[in-house]
Amino acid sequence: MHYYVYLLECGDGTLYTGWTNDIDARLTAHREGRGAKYTRGRGPLELVYTEELATKSEAAKREYHIKKMTRKQKKALIDKKGCQQQ
């Protein structure tokens, strides 16, 4: 099984970071209002970054690391890597 860390750009310009083992299902959940409370009402949501990791633990640690980044650092990460092919 693979795990993914992802960033969404919300309609209000904010960035949301999360992790999942199914990007498509998680994105659908966010868009239908069943995702994180933060993303509800902030649509449209655009997937702007993904990173594949081998374990749940690695994904959770990477999510934590990204959440601690400044907005400028997150934007640089997005500009550098963007969405990886799955």
N, C-alpha and C. Protein backbone atom coordinates (compact mmCIF):
# COMPACT_ATOMS: atom_id res chain seq x y z
N MET A 1 0.85 -1.18 0.00
CA MET A 1 0.00 0.00 0.00
C MET A 1 0.89 1.24 0.00
N HIS A 2 0.43 2.26 -0.69
CA HIS A 2 1.15 3.52 -0.74
C HIS A 2 0.36 4.59 0.01
N TYR A 3 1.06 5.55 0.51
CA TYR A 3 0.46 6.67 1.22
C TYR A 3 0.91 7.96 0.55
N TYR A 4 0.06 8.97 0.63
CA TYR A 4 0.32 10.23 -0.05
C TYR A 4 0.12 11.41 0.89
N VAL A 5 1.00 12.38 0.78
CA VAL A 5 0.82 13.68 1.40
C VAL A 5 0.39 14.59 0.27
N TYR A 6 -0.58 15.46 0.54
CA TYR A 6 -1.10 16.32 -0.51
C TYR A 6 -1.37 17.71 0.01
N LEU A 7 -1.39 18.66 -0.92
CA LEU A 7 -1.78 20.03 -0.61
C LEU A 7 -2.92 20.41 -1.54
N LEU A 8 -3.92 21.03 -0.95
CA LEU A 8 -5.04 21.58 -1.71
C LEU A 8 -4.96 23.09 -1.64
N GLU A 9 -5.24 23.74 -2.75
CA GLU A 9 -5.41 25.19 -2.71
C GLU A 9 -6.90 25.44 -2.70
N CYS A 10 -7.35 26.13 -1.67
CA CYS A 10 -8.77 26.41 -1.50
C CYS A 10 -9.16 27.65 -2.31
N GLY A 11 -10.45 27.80 -2.53
CA GLY A 11 -10.97 28.93 -3.29
C GLY A 11 -10.61 30.28 -2.70
N ASP A 12 -10.36 30.31 -1.39
CA ASP A 12 -9.98 31.58 -0.74
C ASP A 12 -8.47 31.81 -0.76
N GLY A 13 -7.73 30.92 -1.45
CA GLY A 13 -6.29 31.08 -1.58
C GLY A 13 -5.46 30.41 -0.51
N THR A 14 -6.11 29.86 0.51
CA THR A 14 -5.36 29.18 1.57
C THR A 14 -4.94 27.79 1.10
N LEU A 15 -3.97 27.22 1.81
CA LEU A 15 -3.47 25.88 1.49
C LEU A 15 -3.82 24.93 2.62
N TYR A 16 -4.25 23.73 2.26
CA TYR A 16 -4.56 22.69 3.24
C TYR A 16 -3.65 21.50 2.97
N THR A 17 -3.06 20.95 4.02
CA THR A 17 -2.17 19.80 3.90
C THR A 17 -2.82 18.60 4.59
N GLY A 18 -2.74 17.44 3.95
CA GLY A 18 -3.26 16.21 4.53
C GLY A 18 -2.52 15.00 4.01
N TRP A 19 -2.89 13.83 4.50
CA TRP A 19 -2.32 12.58 3.98
C TRP A 19 -3.44 11.57 3.82
N THR A 20 -3.23 10.60 2.95
CA THR A 20 -4.24 9.59 2.64
C THR A 20 -3.58 8.40 1.97
N ASN A 21 -4.35 7.32 1.83
CA ASN A 21 -3.87 6.19 1.03
C ASN A 21 -4.64 6.10 -0.29
N ASP A 22 -5.57 7.03 -0.52
CA ASP A 22 -6.35 7.06 -1.76
C ASP A 22 -6.66 8.52 -2.11
N ILE A 23 -5.83 9.08 -2.95
CA ILE A 23 -5.96 10.50 -3.32
C ILE A 23 -7.33 10.82 -3.91
N ASP A 24 -7.77 10.01 -4.87
CA ASP A 24 -9.04 10.30 -5.56
C ASP A 24 -10.22 10.30 -4.59
N ALA A 25 -10.28 9.29 -3.72
CA ALA A 25 -11.38 9.21 -2.76
C ALA A 25 -11.33 10.37 -1.76
N ARG A 26 -10.14 10.72 -1.35
CA ARG A 26 -10.00 11.80 -0.37
C ARG A 26 -10.38 13.15 -0.98
N LEU A 27 -9.96 13.38 -2.21
CA LEU A 27 -10.32 14.62 -2.89
C LEU A 27 -11.83 14.72 -3.09
N THR A 28 -12.44 13.61 -3.45
CA THR A 28 -13.90 13.58 -3.59
C THR A 28 -14.57 13.91 -2.26
N ALA A 29 -14.06 13.31 -1.18
CA ALA A 29 -14.62 13.58 0.15
C ALA A 29 -14.51 15.07 0.50
N HIS A 30 -13.36 15.66 0.23
CA HIS A 30 -13.19 17.10 0.50
C HIS A 30 -14.20 17.91 -0.30
N ARG A 31 -14.32 17.60 -1.57
CA ARG A 31 -15.21 18.38 -2.45
C ARG A 31 -16.68 18.20 -2.10
N GLU A 32 -17.03 17.07 -1.50
CA GLU A 32 -18.42 16.82 -1.10
C GLU A 32 -18.70 17.25 0.33
N GLY A 33 -17.74 17.89 0.97
CA GLY A 33 -17.94 18.38 2.33
C GLY A 33 -17.76 17.32 3.40
N ARG A 34 -17.22 16.16 3.03
CA ARG A 34 -17.00 15.09 4.00
C ARG A 34 -15.53 14.98 4.41
N GLY A 35 -14.71 15.88 3.90
CA GLY A 35 -13.29 15.87 4.23
C GLY A 35 -13.06 16.62 5.53
N ALA A 36 -11.94 17.26 5.62
CA ALA A 36 -11.60 18.03 6.82
C ALA A 36 -12.56 19.20 7.01
N LYS A 37 -12.83 19.52 8.25
CA LYS A 37 -13.70 20.66 8.55
C LYS A 37 -13.16 21.95 7.93
N TYR A 38 -11.84 22.08 7.90
CA TYR A 38 -11.22 23.29 7.36
C TYR A 38 -11.61 23.55 5.92
N THR A 39 -11.71 22.51 5.11
CA THR A 39 -11.97 22.71 3.67
C THR A 39 -13.44 22.93 3.34
N ARG A 40 -14.33 22.65 4.28
CA ARG A 40 -15.76 22.84 4.02
C ARG A 40 -16.07 24.31 3.79
N GLY A 41 -16.74 24.59 2.69
CA GLY A 41 -17.11 25.96 2.37
C GLY A 41 -15.98 26.80 1.81
N ARG A 42 -14.84 26.20 1.53
CA ARG A 42 -13.70 26.94 1.00
C ARG A 42 -13.42 26.60 -0.46
N GLY A 43 -14.36 25.93 -1.13
CA GLY A 43 -14.17 25.52 -2.51
C GLY A 43 -14.18 26.69 -3.46
N PRO A 44 -13.80 26.46 -4.69
CA PRO A 44 -13.39 25.16 -5.22
C PRO A 44 -12.00 24.78 -4.70
N LEU A 45 -11.76 23.48 -4.64
CA LEU A 45 -10.50 22.95 -4.14
C LEU A 45 -9.69 22.40 -5.31
N GLU A 46 -8.41 22.74 -5.33
CA GLU A 46 -7.53 22.26 -6.39
C GLU A 46 -6.36 21.51 -5.77
N LEU A 47 -6.14 20.29 -6.24
CA LEU A 47 -4.99 19.50 -5.80
C LEU A 47 -3.75 20.09 -6.47
N VAL A 48 -2.82 20.62 -5.66
CA VAL A 48 -1.65 21.29 -6.22
C VAL A 48 -0.33 20.58 -5.92
N TYR A 49 -0.36 19.58 -5.03
CA TYR A 49 0.88 18.88 -4.68
C TYR A 49 0.56 17.50 -4.14
N THR A 50 1.32 16.52 -4.57
CA THR A 50 1.26 15.18 -3.98
C THR A 50 2.67 14.64 -3.83
N GLU A 51 2.83 13.80 -2.85
CA GLU A 51 4.11 13.14 -2.61
C GLU A 51 3.80 11.73 -2.11
N GLU A 52 4.36 10.73 -2.76
CA GLU A 52 4.10 9.34 -2.40
C GLU A 52 5.14 8.88 -1.37
N LEU A 53 4.65 8.17 -0.34
CA LEU A 53 5.51 7.64 0.70
C LEU A 53 5.18 6.17 0.93
N ALA A 54 6.11 5.44 1.50
CA ALA A 54 5.96 3.99 1.64
C ALA A 54 5.10 3.57 2.84
N THR A 55 5.11 4.35 3.92
CA THR A 55 4.38 3.93 5.12
C THR A 55 3.50 5.05 5.65
N LYS A 56 2.52 4.65 6.44
CA LYS A 56 1.62 5.60 7.09
C LYS A 56 2.41 6.54 8.01
N SER A 57 3.37 5.99 8.72
CA SER A 57 4.19 6.78 9.62
C SER A 57 4.98 7.85 8.87
N GLU A 58 5.57 7.48 7.75
CA GLU A 58 6.32 8.45 6.95
C GLU A 58 5.39 9.56 6.44
N ALA A 59 4.19 9.18 6.02
CA ALA A 59 3.22 10.16 5.51
C ALA A 59 2.81 11.14 6.61
N ALA A 60 2.54 10.61 7.80
CA ALA A 60 2.13 11.47 8.92
C ALA A 60 3.26 12.42 9.32
N LYS A 61 4.49 11.93 9.32
CA LYS A 61 5.64 12.78 9.66
C LYS A 61 5.86 13.85 8.61
N ARG A 62 5.71 13.48 7.35
CA ARG A 62 5.90 14.46 6.27
C ARG A 62 4.80 15.52 6.30
N GLU A 63 3.56 15.09 6.57
CA GLU A 63 2.46 16.04 6.71
C GLU A 63 2.78 17.05 7.81
N TYR A 64 3.23 16.57 8.94
CA TYR A 64 3.58 17.43 10.07
C TYR A 64 4.66 18.43 9.65
N HIS A 65 5.68 17.93 8.95
CA HIS A 65 6.78 18.78 8.50
C HIS A 65 6.27 19.88 7.56
N ILE A 66 5.42 19.51 6.61
CA ILE A 66 4.89 20.49 5.66
C ILE A 66 4.01 21.51 6.37
N LYS A 67 3.20 21.05 7.31
CA LYS A 67 2.32 21.98 8.04
C LYS A 67 3.11 23.03 8.81
N LYS A 68 4.33 22.72 9.19
CA LYS A 68 5.17 23.67 9.91
C LYS A 68 5.85 24.68 8.99
N MET A 69 5.80 24.43 7.68
CA MET A 69 6.41 25.35 6.71
C MET A 69 5.62 26.65 6.62
N THR A 70 6.30 27.69 6.21
CA THR A 70 5.61 28.95 5.93
C THR A 70 4.87 28.81 4.60
N ARG A 71 3.96 29.73 4.35
CA ARG A 71 3.25 29.72 3.07
C ARG A 71 4.24 29.83 1.91
N LYS A 72 5.24 30.68 2.07
CA LYS A 72 6.25 30.87 1.02
C LYS A 72 6.99 29.55 0.75
N GLN A 73 7.34 28.82 1.78
CA GLN A 73 8.02 27.53 1.62
C GLN A 73 7.12 26.51 0.94
N LYS A 74 5.84 26.51 1.31
CA LYS A 74 4.88 25.59 0.69
C LYS A 74 4.73 25.90 -0.80
N LYS A 75 4.63 27.19 -1.14
CA LYS A 75 4.50 27.58 -2.54
C LYS A 75 5.74 27.17 -3.33
N ALA A 76 6.93 27.29 -2.73
CA ALA A 76 8.16 26.87 -3.39
C ALA A 76 8.15 25.36 -3.62
N LEU A 77 7.65 24.60 -2.66
CA LEU A 77 7.54 23.15 -2.79
C LEU A 77 6.60 22.80 -3.94
N ILE A 78 5.48 23.49 -4.01
CA ILE A 78 4.50 23.26 -5.08
C ILE A 78 5.12 23.59 -6.43
N ASP A 79 5.81 24.73 -6.51
CA ASP A 79 6.42 25.16 -7.77
C ASP A 79 7.51 24.18 -8.23
N LYS A 80 8.21 23.61 -7.26
CA LYS A 80 9.31 22.70 -7.58
C LYS A 80 8.81 21.33 -8.02
N LYS A 81 7.86 20.75 -7.27
CA LYS A 81 7.43 19.37 -7.54
C LYS A 81 6.02 19.26 -8.10
N GLY A 82 5.10 20.05 -7.60
CA GLY A 82 3.71 19.95 -8.05
C GLY A 82 3.11 18.59 -7.76
N CYS A 83 2.22 18.14 -8.62
CA CYS A 83 1.55 16.85 -8.45
C CYS A 83 2.34 15.78 -9.17
N GLN A 84 2.79 14.78 -8.43
CA GLN A 84 3.51 13.66 -9.04
C GLN A 84 2.52 12.75 -9.74
N GLN A 85 2.97 12.10 -10.78
CA GLN A 85 2.13 11.14 -11.49
C GLN A 85 1.92 9.91 -10.62
N GLN A 86 0.69 9.42 -10.61
CA GLN A 86 0.37 8.24 -9.79
C GLN A 86 0.19 7.05 -10.70
